[in-house]
């Protein structure tokens, strides 16, 4: 039953234009701008898989001024500070126009479960 519920949680992110990293990766860095960036934060992953790198080579972006963006930012900062690997789900068809590289808009961040 738990696997079925978990599958239902991921179904909205399996639509056309959405990609996910193949594995969990640590956050390499954040890029934040002042006035130029229009409240956008870019996250890059350390050694992400080739598939994700080919779709989102510039990283992943979120509008930190929006309510949902602020929540994603909190999760990302927590993962970064604790060195917790994450899996990124993102909309590859929503590129941020502020850079010449291709970035994908974050749809969801999954933290890697701690196993004992």
PDB file of N, CA and C in Angstrom:
ATOM      1  N   UNK A   1       0.815  -1.187   0.000  1.00  0.00           N
ATOM      2  CA  UNK A   1       0.000   0.000   0.000  1.00  0.00           C
ATOM      3  C   UNK A   1       0.864   1.260   0.000  1.00  0.00           C
ATOM      4  N   UNK A   2       1.967   1.257   0.774  1.00  0.00           N
ATOM      5  CA  UNK A   2       2.839   2.427   0.830  1.00  0.00           C
ATOM      6  C   UNK A   2       3.488   2.693  -0.515  1.00  0.00           C
ATOM      7  N   UNK A   3       3.845   1.630  -1.250  1.00  0.00           N
ATOM      8  CA  UNK A   3       4.432   1.818  -2.574  1.00  0.00           C
ATOM      9  C   UNK A   3       3.423   2.444  -3.531  1.00  0.00           C
ATOM     10  N   UNK A   4       2.163   2.052  -3.414  1.00  0.00           N
ATOM     11  CA  UNK A   4       1.114   2.609  -4.260  1.00  0.00           C
ATOM     12  C   UNK A   4       0.930   4.101  -3.972  1.00  0.00           C
ATOM     13  N   UNK A   5       0.930   4.472  -2.701  1.00  0.00           N
ATOM     14  CA  UNK A   5       0.782   5.882  -2.321  1.00  0.00           C
ATOM     15  C   UNK A   5       1.986   6.689  -2.801  1.00  0.00           C
ATOM     16  N   UNK A   6       3.180   6.130  -2.667  1.00  0.00           N
ATOM     17  CA  UNK A   6       4.380   6.816  -3.147  1.00  0.00           C
ATOM     18  C   UNK A   6       4.312   7.022  -4.655  1.00  0.00           C
ATOM     19  N   UNK A   7       3.825   6.028  -5.387  1.00  0.00           N
ATOM     20  CA  UNK A   7       3.678   6.157  -6.832  1.00  0.00           C
ATOM     21  C   UNK A   7       2.695   7.271  -7.179  1.00  0.00           C
ATOM     22  N   UNK A   8       1.603   7.351  -6.457  1.00  0.00           N
ATOM     23  CA  UNK A   8       0.627   8.414  -6.701  1.00  0.00           C
ATOM     24  C   UNK A   8       1.219   9.792  -6.462  1.00  0.00           C
ATOM     25  N   UNK A   9       2.121   9.912  -5.505  1.00  0.00           N
ATOM     26  CA  UNK A   9       2.761  11.197  -5.227  1.00  0.00           C
ATOM     27  C   UNK A   9       3.653  11.644  -6.381  1.00  0.00           C
ATOM     28  N   UNK A  10       4.266  10.691  -7.082  1.00  0.00           N
ATOM     29  CA  UNK A  10       5.183  11.024  -8.157  1.00  0.00           C
ATOM     30  C   UNK A  10       4.501  11.173  -9.520  1.00  0.00           C
ATOM     31  N   UNK A  11       3.281  10.688  -9.681  1.00  0.00           N
ATOM     32  CA  UNK A  11       2.613  10.733 -10.979  1.00  0.00           C
ATOM     33  C   UNK A  11       2.514  12.123 -11.589  1.00  0.00           C
ATOM     34  N   UNK A  12       2.195  13.167 -10.826  1.00  0.00           N
ATOM     35  CA  UNK A  12       2.120  14.486 -11.456  1.00  0.00           C
ATOM     36  C   UNK A  12       3.445  14.946 -12.060  1.00  0.00           C
ATOM     37  N   UNK A  13       4.563  14.417 -11.586  1.00  0.00           N
ATOM     38  CA  UNK A  13       5.868  14.826 -12.074  1.00  0.00           C
ATOM     39  C   UNK A  13       6.358  13.991 -13.251  1.00  0.00           C
ATOM     40  N   UNK A  14       5.578  13.011 -13.662  1.00  0.00           N
ATOM     41  CA  UNK A  14       5.976  12.159 -14.769  1.00  0.00           C
ATOM     42  C   UNK A  14       5.375  12.613 -16.094  1.00  0.00           C
ATOM     43  N   UNK A  15       4.827  13.803 -16.108  1.00  0.00           N
ATOM     44  CA  UNK A  15       4.208  14.317 -17.323  1.00  0.00           C
ATOM     45  C   UNK A  15       5.270  14.785 -18.307  1.00  0.00           C
ATOM     46  N   UNK A  16       4.823  15.099 -19.511  1.00  0.00           N
ATOM     47  CA  UNK A  16       5.721  15.570 -20.564  1.00  0.00           C
ATOM     48  C   UNK A  16       6.414  16.860 -20.109  1.00  0.00           C
ATOM     49  N   UNK A  17       7.692  16.948 -20.359  1.00  0.00           N
ATOM     50  CA  UNK A  17       8.442  18.146 -20.014  1.00  0.00           C
ATOM     51  C   UNK A  17       9.061  18.102 -18.632  1.00  0.00           C
ATOM     52  N   UNK A  18       8.864  17.020 -17.895  1.00  0.00           N
ATOM     53  CA  UNK A  18       9.430  16.895 -16.558  1.00  0.00           C
ATOM     54  C   UNK A  18      10.528  15.841 -16.572  1.00  0.00           C
ATOM     55  N   UNK A  19      11.660  16.188 -15.978  1.00  0.00           N
ATOM     56  CA  UNK A  19      12.758  15.226 -15.876  1.00  0.00           C
ATOM     57  C   UNK A  19      13.106  15.036 -14.406  1.00  0.00           C
ATOM     58  N   UNK A  20      13.801  13.966 -14.121  1.00  0.00           N
ATOM     59  CA  UNK A  20      14.295  13.704 -12.773  1.00  0.00           C
ATOM     60  C   UNK A  20      15.725  13.199 -12.885  1.00  0.00           C
ATOM     61  N   UNK A  21      16.533  13.533 -11.900  1.00  0.00           N
ATOM     62  CA  UNK A  21      17.874  12.976 -11.879  1.00  0.00           C
ATOM     63  C   UNK A  21      17.759  11.476 -11.623  1.00  0.00           C
ATOM     64  N   UNK A  22      18.681  10.705 -12.181  1.00  0.00           N
ATOM     65  CA  UNK A  22      18.628   9.251 -12.062  1.00  0.00           C
ATOM     66  C   UNK A  22      18.970   8.754 -10.662  1.00  0.00           C
ATOM     67  N   UNK A  23      19.600   9.603  -9.885  1.00  0.00           N
ATOM     68  CA  UNK A  23      20.047   9.189  -8.565  1.00  0.00           C
ATOM     69  C   UNK A  23      19.992  10.388  -7.628  1.00  0.00           C
ATOM     70  N   UNK A  24      20.521  10.227  -6.421  1.00  0.00           N
ATOM     71  CA  UNK A  24      20.597  11.310  -5.444  1.00  0.00           C
ATOM     72  C   UNK A  24      21.989  11.925  -5.505  1.00  0.00           C
ATOM     73  N   UNK A  25      22.051  13.268  -5.465  1.00  0.00           N
ATOM     74  CA  UNK A  25      23.320  13.977  -5.557  1.00  0.00           C
ATOM     75  C   UNK A  25      23.372  15.085  -4.522  1.00  0.00           C
ATOM     76  N   UNK A  26      24.577  15.423  -4.080  1.00  0.00           N
ATOM     77  CA  UNK A  26      24.752  16.547  -3.176  1.00  0.00           C
ATOM     78  C   UNK A  26      24.708  17.845  -3.973  1.00  0.00           C
ATOM     79  N   UNK A  27      24.318  18.908  -3.305  1.00  0.00           N
ATOM     80  CA  UNK A  27      24.282  20.222  -3.949  1.00  0.00           C
ATOM     81  C   UNK A  27      25.700  20.762  -4.023  1.00  0.00           C
ATOM     82  N   UNK A  28      26.101  21.168  -5.229  1.00  0.00           N
ATOM     83  CA  UNK A  28      27.434  21.704  -5.441  1.00  0.00           C
ATOM     84  C   UNK A  28      27.491  23.183  -5.046  1.00  0.00           C
ATOM     85  N   UNK A  29      26.524  23.956  -5.539  1.00  0.00           N
ATOM     86  CA  UNK A  29      26.516  25.380  -5.206  1.00  0.00           C
ATOM     87  C   UNK A  29      25.157  26.022  -5.467  1.00  0.00           C
ATOM     88  N   UNK A  30      25.025  27.225  -4.940  1.00  0.00           N
ATOM     89  CA  UNK A  30      23.861  28.081  -5.152  1.00  0.00           C
ATOM     90  C   UNK A  30      24.337  29.341  -5.855  1.00  0.00           C
ATOM     91  N   UNK A  31      23.518  29.875  -6.731  1.00  0.00           N
ATOM     92  CA  UNK A  31      23.776  31.189  -7.317  1.00  0.00           C
ATOM     93  C   UNK A  31      22.554  32.058  -7.043  1.00  0.00           C
ATOM     94  N   UNK A  32      22.788  33.188  -6.406  1.00  0.00           N
ATOM     95  CA  UNK A  32      21.711  34.101  -6.044  1.00  0.00           C
ATOM     96  C   UNK A  32      22.099  35.494  -6.520  1.00  0.00           C
ATOM     97  N   UNK A  33      21.143  36.181  -7.113  1.00  0.00           N
ATOM     98  CA  UNK A  33      21.389  37.534  -7.598  1.00  0.00           C
ATOM     99  C   UNK A  33      20.627  38.535  -6.752  1.00  0.00           C
ATOM    100  N   UNK A  34      21.068  39.782  -6.823  1.00  0.00           N
ATOM    101  CA  UNK A  34      20.400  40.865  -6.135  1.00  0.00           C
ATOM    102  C   UNK A  34      19.220  41.335  -6.980  1.00  0.00           C
ATOM    103  N   UNK A  35      19.276  42.498  -7.560  1.00  0.00           N
ATOM    104  CA  UNK A  35      18.160  43.038  -8.341  1.00  0.00           C
ATOM    105  C   UNK A  35      18.035  42.400  -9.718  1.00  0.00           C
ATOM    106  N   UNK A  36      19.158  42.034 -10.330  1.00  0.00           N
ATOM    107  CA  UNK A  36      19.151  41.489 -11.687  1.00  0.00           C
ATOM    108  C   UNK A  36      18.371  40.186 -11.791  1.00  0.00           C
ATOM    109  N   UNK A  37      18.492  39.340 -10.817  1.00  0.00           N
ATOM    110  CA  UNK A  37      17.957  37.989 -10.903  1.00  0.00           C
ATOM    111  C   UNK A  37      16.480  37.826 -10.672  1.00  0.00           C
ATOM    112  N   UNK A  38      15.777  38.885 -10.316  1.00  0.00           N
ATOM    113  CA  UNK A  38      14.326  38.828 -10.102  1.00  0.00           C
ATOM    114  C   UNK A  38      13.939  37.720  -9.125  1.00  0.00           C
ATOM    115  N   UNK A  39      14.661  37.646  -8.009  1.00  0.00           N
ATOM    116  CA  UNK A  39      14.377  36.676  -6.939  1.00  0.00           C
ATOM    117  C   UNK A  39      14.588  35.224  -7.343  1.00  0.00           C
ATOM    118  N   UNK A  40      15.466  34.984  -8.278  1.00  0.00           N
ATOM    119  CA  UNK A  40      15.730  33.618  -8.721  1.00  0.00           C
ATOM    120  C   UNK A  40      16.995  33.078  -8.063  1.00  0.00           C
ATOM    121  N   UNK A  41      16.924  31.816  -7.710  1.00  0.00           N
ATOM    122  CA  UNK A  41      18.048  31.087  -7.141  1.00  0.00           C
ATOM    123  C   UNK A  41      18.338  29.911  -8.065  1.00  0.00           C
ATOM    124  N   UNK A  42      19.607  29.698  -8.391  1.00  0.00           N
ATOM    125  CA  UNK A  42      20.018  28.563  -9.229  1.00  0.00           C
ATOM    126  C   UNK A  42      20.789  27.571  -8.362  1.00  0.00           C
ATOM    127  N   UNK A  43      20.441  26.292  -8.473  1.00  0.00           N
ATOM    128  CA  UNK A  43      21.108  25.221  -7.731  1.00  0.00           C
ATOM    129  C   UNK A  43      21.808  24.307  -8.732  1.00  0.00           C
ATOM    130  N   UNK A  44      23.064  23.993  -8.459  1.00  0.00           N
ATOM    131  CA  UNK A  44      23.815  23.029  -9.265  1.00  0.00           C
ATOM    132  C   UNK A  44      24.104  21.801  -8.413  1.00  0.00           C
ATOM    133  N   UNK A  45      24.056  20.629  -9.044  1.00  0.00           N
ATOM    134  CA  UNK A  45      24.315  19.371  -8.339  1.00  0.00           C
ATOM    135  C   UNK A  45      25.723  18.876  -8.635  1.00  0.00           C
ATOM    136  N   UNK A  46      26.303  18.201  -7.673  1.00  0.00           N
ATOM    137  CA  UNK A  46      27.654  17.663  -7.801  1.00  0.00           C
ATOM    138  C   UNK A  46      27.620  16.360  -8.587  1.00  0.00           C
ATOM    139  N   UNK A  47      28.310  16.315  -9.727  1.00  0.00           N
ATOM    140  CA  UNK A  47      28.442  15.102 -10.545  1.00  0.00           C
ATOM    141  C   UNK A  47      27.100  14.473 -10.921  1.00  0.00           C
ATOM    142  N   UNK A  48      26.141  15.298 -11.353  1.00  0.00           N
ATOM    143  CA  UNK A  48      24.843  14.733 -11.723  1.00  0.00           C
ATOM    144  C   UNK A  48      24.962  13.863 -12.971  1.00  0.00           C
ATOM    145  N   UNK A  49      24.005  12.960 -13.140  1.00  0.00           N
ATOM    146  CA  UNK A  49      24.051  12.001 -14.234  1.00  0.00           C
ATOM    147  C   UNK A  49      23.971  12.694 -15.598  1.00  0.00           C
ATOM    148  N   UNK A  50      24.415  11.986 -16.615  1.00  0.00           N
ATOM    149  CA  UNK A  50      24.499  12.532 -17.970  1.00  0.00           C
ATOM    150  C   UNK A  50      23.129  12.919 -18.520  1.00  0.00           C
ATOM    151  N   UNK A  51      22.109  12.138 -18.224  1.00  0.00           N
ATOM    152  CA  UNK A  51      20.762  12.440 -18.708  1.00  0.00           C
ATOM    153  C   UNK A  51      20.289  13.798 -18.188  1.00  0.00           C
ATOM    154  N   UNK A  52      20.388  14.008 -16.882  1.00  0.00           N
ATOM    155  CA  UNK A  52      19.973  15.287 -16.299  1.00  0.00           C
ATOM    156  C   UNK A  52      20.867  16.416 -16.788  1.00  0.00           C
ATOM    157  N   UNK A  53      22.155  16.129 -16.929  1.00  0.00           N
ATOM    158  CA  UNK A  53      23.085  17.159 -17.396  1.00  0.00           C
ATOM    159  C   UNK A  53      22.788  17.584 -18.831  1.00  0.00           C
ATOM    160  N   UNK A  54      22.317  16.654 -19.647  1.00  0.00           N
ATOM    161  CA  UNK A  54      21.998  17.015 -21.036  1.00  0.00           C
ATOM    162  C   UNK A  54      20.717  17.850 -21.125  1.00  0.00           C
ATOM    163  N   UNK A  55      19.779  17.664 -20.177  1.00  0.00           N
ATOM    164  CA  UNK A  55      18.530  18.425 -20.198  1.00  0.00           C
ATOM    165  C   UNK A  55      18.637  19.741 -19.441  1.00  0.00           C
ATOM    166  N   UNK A  56      19.396  19.762 -18.363  1.00  0.00           N
ATOM    167  CA  UNK A  56      19.495  20.943 -17.487  1.00  0.00           C
ATOM    168  C   UNK A  56      20.960  21.233 -17.154  1.00  0.00           C
ATOM    169  N   UNK A  57      21.777  21.570 -18.163  1.00  0.00           N
ATOM    170  CA  UNK A  57      23.207  21.743 -17.904  1.00  0.00           C
ATOM    171  C   UNK A  57      23.539  22.937 -17.014  1.00  0.00           C
ATOM    172  N   UNK A  58      22.676  23.941 -16.975  1.00  0.00           N
ATOM    173  CA  UNK A  58      22.944  25.122 -16.161  1.00  0.00           C
ATOM    174  C   UNK A  58      22.469  24.996 -14.731  1.00  0.00           C
ATOM    175  N   UNK A  59      21.771  23.911 -14.411  1.00  0.00           N
ATOM    176  CA  UNK A  59      21.273  23.712 -13.062  1.00  0.00           C
ATOM    177  C   UNK A  59      19.759  23.815 -12.998  1.00  0.00           C
ATOM    178  N   UNK A  60      19.277  24.141 -11.819  1.00  0.00           N
ATOM    179  CA  UNK A  60      17.833  24.159 -11.548  1.00  0.00           C
ATOM    180  C   UNK A  60      17.491  25.470 -10.871  1.00  0.00           C
ATOM    181  N   UNK A  61      16.376  26.069 -11.262  1.00  0.00           N
ATOM    182  CA  UNK A  61      16.030  27.367 -10.703  1.00  0.00           C
ATOM    183  C   UNK A  61      14.698  27.344  -9.978  1.00  0.00           C
ATOM    184  N   UNK A  62      14.572  28.288  -9.053  1.00  0.00           N
ATOM    185  CA  UNK A  62      13.340  28.469  -8.304  1.00  0.00           C
ATOM    186  C   UNK A  62      13.184  29.961  -8.021  1.00  0.00           C
ATOM    187  N   UNK A  63      11.950  30.432  -8.056  1.00  0.00           N
ATOM    188  CA  UNK A  63      11.640  31.809  -7.696  1.00  0.00           C
ATOM    189  C   UNK A  63      11.478  31.845  -6.184  1.00  0.00           C
ATOM    190  N   UNK A  64      12.481  32.361  -5.497  1.00  0.00           N
ATOM    191  CA  UNK A  64      12.464  32.311  -4.036  1.00  0.00           C
ATOM    192  C   UNK A  64      11.469  33.279  -3.411  1.00  0.00           C
ATOM    193  N   UNK A  65      10.875  34.166  -4.198  1.00  0.00           N
ATOM    194  CA  UNK A  65       9.885  35.101  -3.668  1.00  0.00           C
ATOM    195  C   UNK A  65       8.498  34.473  -3.554  1.00  0.00           C
ATOM    196  N   UNK A  66       8.233  33.417  -4.322  1.00  0.00           N
ATOM    197  CA  UNK A  66       6.918  32.778  -4.250  1.00  0.00           C
ATOM    198  C   UNK A  66       6.849  31.897  -3.001  1.00  0.00           C
ATOM    199  N   UNK A  67       5.647  31.611  -2.562  1.00  0.00           N
ATOM    200  CA  UNK A  67       5.462  30.781  -1.361  1.00  0.00           C
ATOM    201  C   UNK A  67       6.054  29.394  -1.562  1.00  0.00           C
ATOM    202  N   UNK A  68       5.747  28.753  -2.671  1.00  0.00           N
ATOM    203  CA  UNK A  68       6.277  27.410  -2.914  1.00  0.00           C
ATOM    204  C   UNK A  68       7.783  27.455  -3.143  1.00  0.00           C
ATOM    205  N   UNK A  69       8.257  28.501  -3.789  1.00  0.00           N
ATOM    206  CA  UNK A  69       9.691  28.648  -4.005  1.00  0.00           C
ATOM    207  C   UNK A  69      10.447  28.804  -2.701  1.00  0.00           C
ATOM    208  N   UNK A  70       9.851  29.524  -1.758  1.00  0.00           N
ATOM    209  CA  UNK A  70      10.477  29.699  -0.448  1.00  0.00           C
ATOM    210  C   UNK A  70      10.589  28.364   0.277  1.00  0.00           C
ATOM    211  N   UNK A  71       9.581  27.507   0.143  1.00  0.00           N
ATOM    212  CA  UNK A  71       9.628  26.178   0.768  1.00  0.00           C
ATOM    213  C   UNK A  71      10.717  25.314   0.124  1.00  0.00           C
ATOM    214  N   UNK A  72      10.804  25.354  -1.198  1.00  0.00           N
ATOM    215  CA  UNK A  72      11.847  24.590  -1.887  1.00  0.00           C
ATOM    216  C   UNK A  72      13.232  25.087  -1.492  1.00  0.00           C
ATOM    217  N   UNK A  73      13.366  26.403  -1.335  1.00  0.00           N
ATOM    218  CA  UNK A  73      14.641  26.972  -0.915  1.00  0.00           C
ATOM    219  C   UNK A  73      15.029  26.473   0.476  1.00  0.00           C
ATOM    220  N   UNK A  74      14.077  26.407   1.397  1.00  0.00           N
ATOM    221  CA  UNK A  74      14.361  25.908   2.747  1.00  0.00           C
ATOM    222  C   UNK A  74      14.834  24.461   2.714  1.00  0.00           C
ATOM    223  N   UNK A  75      14.189  23.638   1.901  1.00  0.00           N
ATOM    224  CA  UNK A  75      14.589  22.233   1.783  1.00  0.00           C
ATOM    225  C   UNK A  75      15.993  22.131   1.183  1.00  0.00           C
ATOM    226  N   UNK A  76      16.252  22.920   0.147  1.00  0.00           N
ATOM    227  CA  UNK A  76      17.562  22.893  -0.510  1.00  0.00           C
ATOM    228  C   UNK A  76      18.670  23.363   0.437  1.00  0.00           C
ATOM    229  N   UNK A  77      18.423  24.425   1.185  1.00  0.00           N
ATOM    230  CA  UNK A  77      19.430  24.912   2.134  1.00  0.00           C
ATOM    231  C   UNK A  77      19.699  23.891   3.234  1.00  0.00           C
ATOM    232  N   UNK A  78      18.651  23.237   3.703  1.00  0.00           N
ATOM    233  CA  UNK A  78      18.814  22.194   4.709  1.00  0.00           C
ATOM    234  C   UNK A  78      19.655  21.042   4.158  1.00  0.00           C
ATOM    235  N   UNK A  79      19.349  20.620   2.947  1.00  0.00           N
ATOM    236  CA  UNK A  79      20.112  19.532   2.320  1.00  0.00           C
ATOM    237  C   UNK A  79      21.564  19.937   2.120  1.00  0.00           C
ATOM    238  N   UNK A  80      21.791  21.171   1.702  1.00  0.00           N
ATOM    239  CA  UNK A  80      23.148  21.656   1.476  1.00  0.00           C
ATOM    240  C   UNK A  80      23.934  21.702   2.792  1.00  0.00           C
ATOM    241  N   UNK A  81      23.337  22.289   3.825  1.00  0.00           N
ATOM    242  CA  UNK A  81      24.023  22.424   5.116  1.00  0.00           C
ATOM    243  C   UNK A  81      24.302  21.085   5.781  1.00  0.00           C
ATOM    244  N   UNK A  82      23.426  20.109   5.574  1.00  0.00           N
ATOM    245  CA  UNK A  82      23.594  18.783   6.173  1.00  0.00           C
ATOM    246  C   UNK A  82      24.268  17.789   5.234  1.00  0.00           C
ATOM    247  N   UNK A  83      24.641  18.246   4.036  1.00  0.00           N
ATOM    248  CA  UNK A  83      25.269  17.384   3.030  1.00  0.00           C
ATOM    249  C   UNK A  83      24.402  16.177   2.710  1.00  0.00           C
ATOM    250  N   UNK A  84      23.074  16.380   2.676  1.00  0.00           N
ATOM    251  CA  UNK A  84      22.120  15.320   2.361  1.00  0.00           C
ATOM    252  C   UNK A  84      21.923  15.252   0.852  1.00  0.00           C
ATOM    253  N   UNK A  85      22.125  14.106   0.240  1.00  0.00           N
ATOM    254  CA  UNK A  85      21.882  13.982  -1.201  1.00  0.00           C
ATOM    255  C   UNK A  85      20.393  14.179  -1.524  1.00  0.00           C
ATOM    256  N   UNK A  86      20.143  14.768  -2.692  1.00  0.00           N
ATOM    257  CA  UNK A  86      18.778  15.015  -3.137  1.00  0.00           C
ATOM    258  C   UNK A  86      18.566  14.476  -4.546  1.00  0.00           C
ATOM    259  N   UNK A  87      17.310  14.218  -4.881  1.00  0.00           N
ATOM    260  CA  UNK A  87      16.911  13.909  -6.254  1.00  0.00           C
ATOM    261  C   UNK A  87      16.055  15.089  -6.699  1.00  0.00           C
ATOM    262  N   UNK A  88      16.358  15.597  -7.881  1.00  0.00           N
ATOM    263  CA  UNK A  88      15.684  16.774  -8.389  1.00  0.00           C
ATOM    264  C   UNK A  88      14.669  16.384  -9.456  1.00  0.00           C
ATOM    265  N   UNK A  89      13.469  16.904  -9.346  1.00  0.00           N
ATOM    266  CA  UNK A  89      12.443  16.794 -10.376  1.00  0.00           C
ATOM    267  C   UNK A  89      12.233  18.202 -10.910  1.00  0.00           C
ATOM    268  N   UNK A  90      12.272  18.357 -12.226  1.00  0.00           N
ATOM    269  CA  UNK A  90      12.212  19.708 -12.782  1.00  0.00           C
ATOM    270  C   UNK A  90      11.502  19.728 -14.133  1.00  0.00           C
ATOM    271  N   UNK A  91      10.992  20.913 -14.468  1.00  0.00           N
ATOM    272  CA  UNK A  91      10.345  21.141 -15.760  1.00  0.00           C
ATOM    273  C   UNK A  91      11.410  21.597 -16.751  1.00  0.00           C
ATOM    274  N   UNK A  92      11.762  20.724 -17.677  1.00  0.00           N
ATOM    275  CA  UNK A  92      12.815  21.085 -18.624  1.00  0.00           C
ATOM    276  C   UNK A  92      12.351  22.108 -19.654  1.00  0.00           C
ATOM    277  N   UNK A  93      11.048  22.265 -19.821  1.00  0.00           N
ATOM    278  CA  UNK A  93      10.537  23.235 -20.795  1.00  0.00           C
ATOM    279  C   UNK A  93      10.341  24.626 -20.194  1.00  0.00           C
ATOM    280  N   UNK A  94      10.775  24.818 -18.935  1.00  0.00           N
ATOM    281  CA  UNK A  94      10.680  26.135 -18.301  1.00  0.00           C
ATOM    282  C   UNK A  94      12.082  26.631 -17.961  1.00  0.00           C
ATOM    283  N   UNK A  95      12.775  27.117 -18.984  1.00  0.00           N
ATOM    284  CA  UNK A  95      14.129  27.634 -18.859  1.00  0.00           C
ATOM    285  C   UNK A  95      14.082  29.049 -18.278  1.00  0.00           C
ATOM    286  N   UNK A  96      15.035  29.378 -17.399  1.00  0.00           N
ATOM    287  CA  UNK A  96      15.115  30.745 -16.883  1.00  0.00           C
ATOM    288  C   UNK A  96      15.860  31.588 -17.908  1.00  0.00           C
ATOM    289  N   UNK A  97      15.285  32.689 -18.373  1.00  0.00           N
ATOM    290  CA  UNK A  97      15.893  33.467 -19.446  1.00  0.00           C
ATOM    291  C   UNK A  97      17.046  34.363 -19.005  1.00  0.00           C
ATOM    292  N   UNK A  98      17.394  34.386 -17.737  1.00  0.00           N
ATOM    293  CA  UNK A  98      18.429  35.288 -17.245  1.00  0.00           C
ATOM    294  C   UNK A  98      19.850  34.880 -17.567  1.00  0.00           C
ATOM    295  N   UNK A  99      20.060  33.643 -18.007  1.00  0.00           N
ATOM    296  CA  UNK A  99      21.394  33.165 -18.356  1.00  0.00           C
ATOM    297  C   UNK A  99      21.377  32.552 -19.754  1.00  0.00           C
ATOM    298  N   UNK A 100      22.553  32.448 -20.349  1.00  0.00           N
ATOM    299  CA  UNK A 100      22.629  31.853 -21.685  1.00  0.00           C
ATOM    300  C   UNK A 100      22.599  30.331 -21.637  1.00  0.00           C
ATOM    301  N   UNK A 101      22.870  29.739 -20.463  1.00  0.00           N
ATOM    302  CA  UNK A 101      22.792  28.288 -20.326  1.00  0.00           C
ATOM    303  C   UNK A 101      21.344  27.877 -20.078  1.00  0.00           C
ATOM    304  N   UNK A 102      21.074  26.583 -20.167  1.00  0.00           N
ATOM    305  CA  UNK A 102      19.706  26.085 -19.950  1.00  0.00           C
ATOM    306  C   UNK A 102      19.565  25.596 -18.517  1.00  0.00           C
ATOM    307  N   UNK A 103      18.619  26.193 -17.806  1.00  0.00           N
ATOM    308  CA  UNK A 103      18.270  25.781 -16.452  1.00  0.00           C
ATOM    309  C   UNK A 103      16.826  25.307 -16.468  1.00  0.00           C
ATOM    310  N   UNK A 104      16.491  24.388 -15.595  1.00  0.00           N
ATOM    311  CA  UNK A 104      15.133  23.855 -15.521  1.00  0.00           C
ATOM    312  C   UNK A 104      14.481  24.292 -14.212  1.00  0.00           C
ATOM    313  N   UNK A 105      13.193  24.611 -14.268  1.00  0.00           N
ATOM    314  CA  UNK A 105      12.466  25.058 -13.080  1.00  0.00           C
ATOM    315  C   UNK A 105      12.180  23.861 -12.165  1.00  0.00           C
ATOM    316  N   UNK A 106      12.468  24.021 -10.885  1.00  0.00           N
ATOM    317  CA  UNK A 106      12.292  22.942  -9.913  1.00  0.00           C
ATOM    318  C   UNK A 106      10.813  22.660  -9.698  1.00  0.00           C
ATOM    319  N   UNK A 107      10.447  21.382  -9.801  1.00  0.00           N
ATOM    320  CA  UNK A 107       9.087  20.941  -9.504  1.00  0.00           C
ATOM    321  C   UNK A 107       9.028  20.339  -8.104  1.00  0.00           C
ATOM    322  N   UNK A 108      10.065  19.583  -7.735  1.00  0.00           N
ATOM    323  CA  UNK A 108      10.087  18.911  -6.440  1.00  0.00           C
ATOM    324  C   UNK A 108      11.522  18.537  -6.089  1.00  0.00           C
ATOM    325  N   UNK A 109      11.821  18.543  -4.805  1.00  0.00           N
ATOM    326  CA  UNK A 109      13.113  18.072  -4.305  1.00  0.00           C
ATOM    327  C   UNK A 109      12.836  16.907  -3.360  1.00  0.00           C
ATOM    328  N   UNK A 110      13.487  15.784  -3.619  1.00  0.00           N
ATOM    329  CA  UNK A 110      13.346  14.611  -2.746  1.00  0.00           C
ATOM    330  C   UNK A 110      14.651  14.417  -1.980  1.00  0.00           C
ATOM    331  N   UNK A 111      14.562  14.371  -0.662  1.00  0.00           N
ATOM    332  CA  UNK A 111      15.734  14.114   0.175  1.00  0.00           C
ATOM    333  C   UNK A 111      15.975  12.607   0.270  1.00  0.00           C
ATOM    334  N   UNK A 112      17.228  12.222   0.272  1.00  0.00           N
ATOM    335  CA  UNK A 112      17.537  10.801   0.408  1.00  0.00           C
ATOM    336  C   UNK A 112      17.230  10.349   1.827  1.00  0.00           C
ATOM    337  N   UNK A 113      16.545   9.218   1.935  1.00  0.00           N
ATOM    338  CA  UNK A 113      16.196   8.671   3.236  1.00  0.00           C
ATOM    339  C   UNK A 113      17.443   8.162   3.939  1.00  0.00           C
ATOM    340  N   UNK A 114      17.480   8.381   5.221  1.00  0.00           N
ATOM    341  CA  UNK A 114      18.591   7.901   6.033  1.00  0.00           C
ATOM    342  C   UNK A 114      18.327   6.449   6.395  1.00  0.00           C
ATOM    343  N   UNK A 115      19.285   5.599   6.083  1.00  0.00           N
ATOM    344  CA  UNK A 115      19.149   4.187   6.422  1.00  0.00           C
ATOM    345  C   UNK A 115      20.071   3.877   7.583  1.00  0.00           C
ATOM    346  N   UNK A 116      19.619   3.032   8.443  1.00  0.00           N
ATOM    347  CA  UNK A 116      20.424   2.684   9.621  1.00  0.00           C
ATOM    348  C   UNK A 116      21.022   1.314   9.472  1.00  0.00           C
TER     349      UNK A 116
END
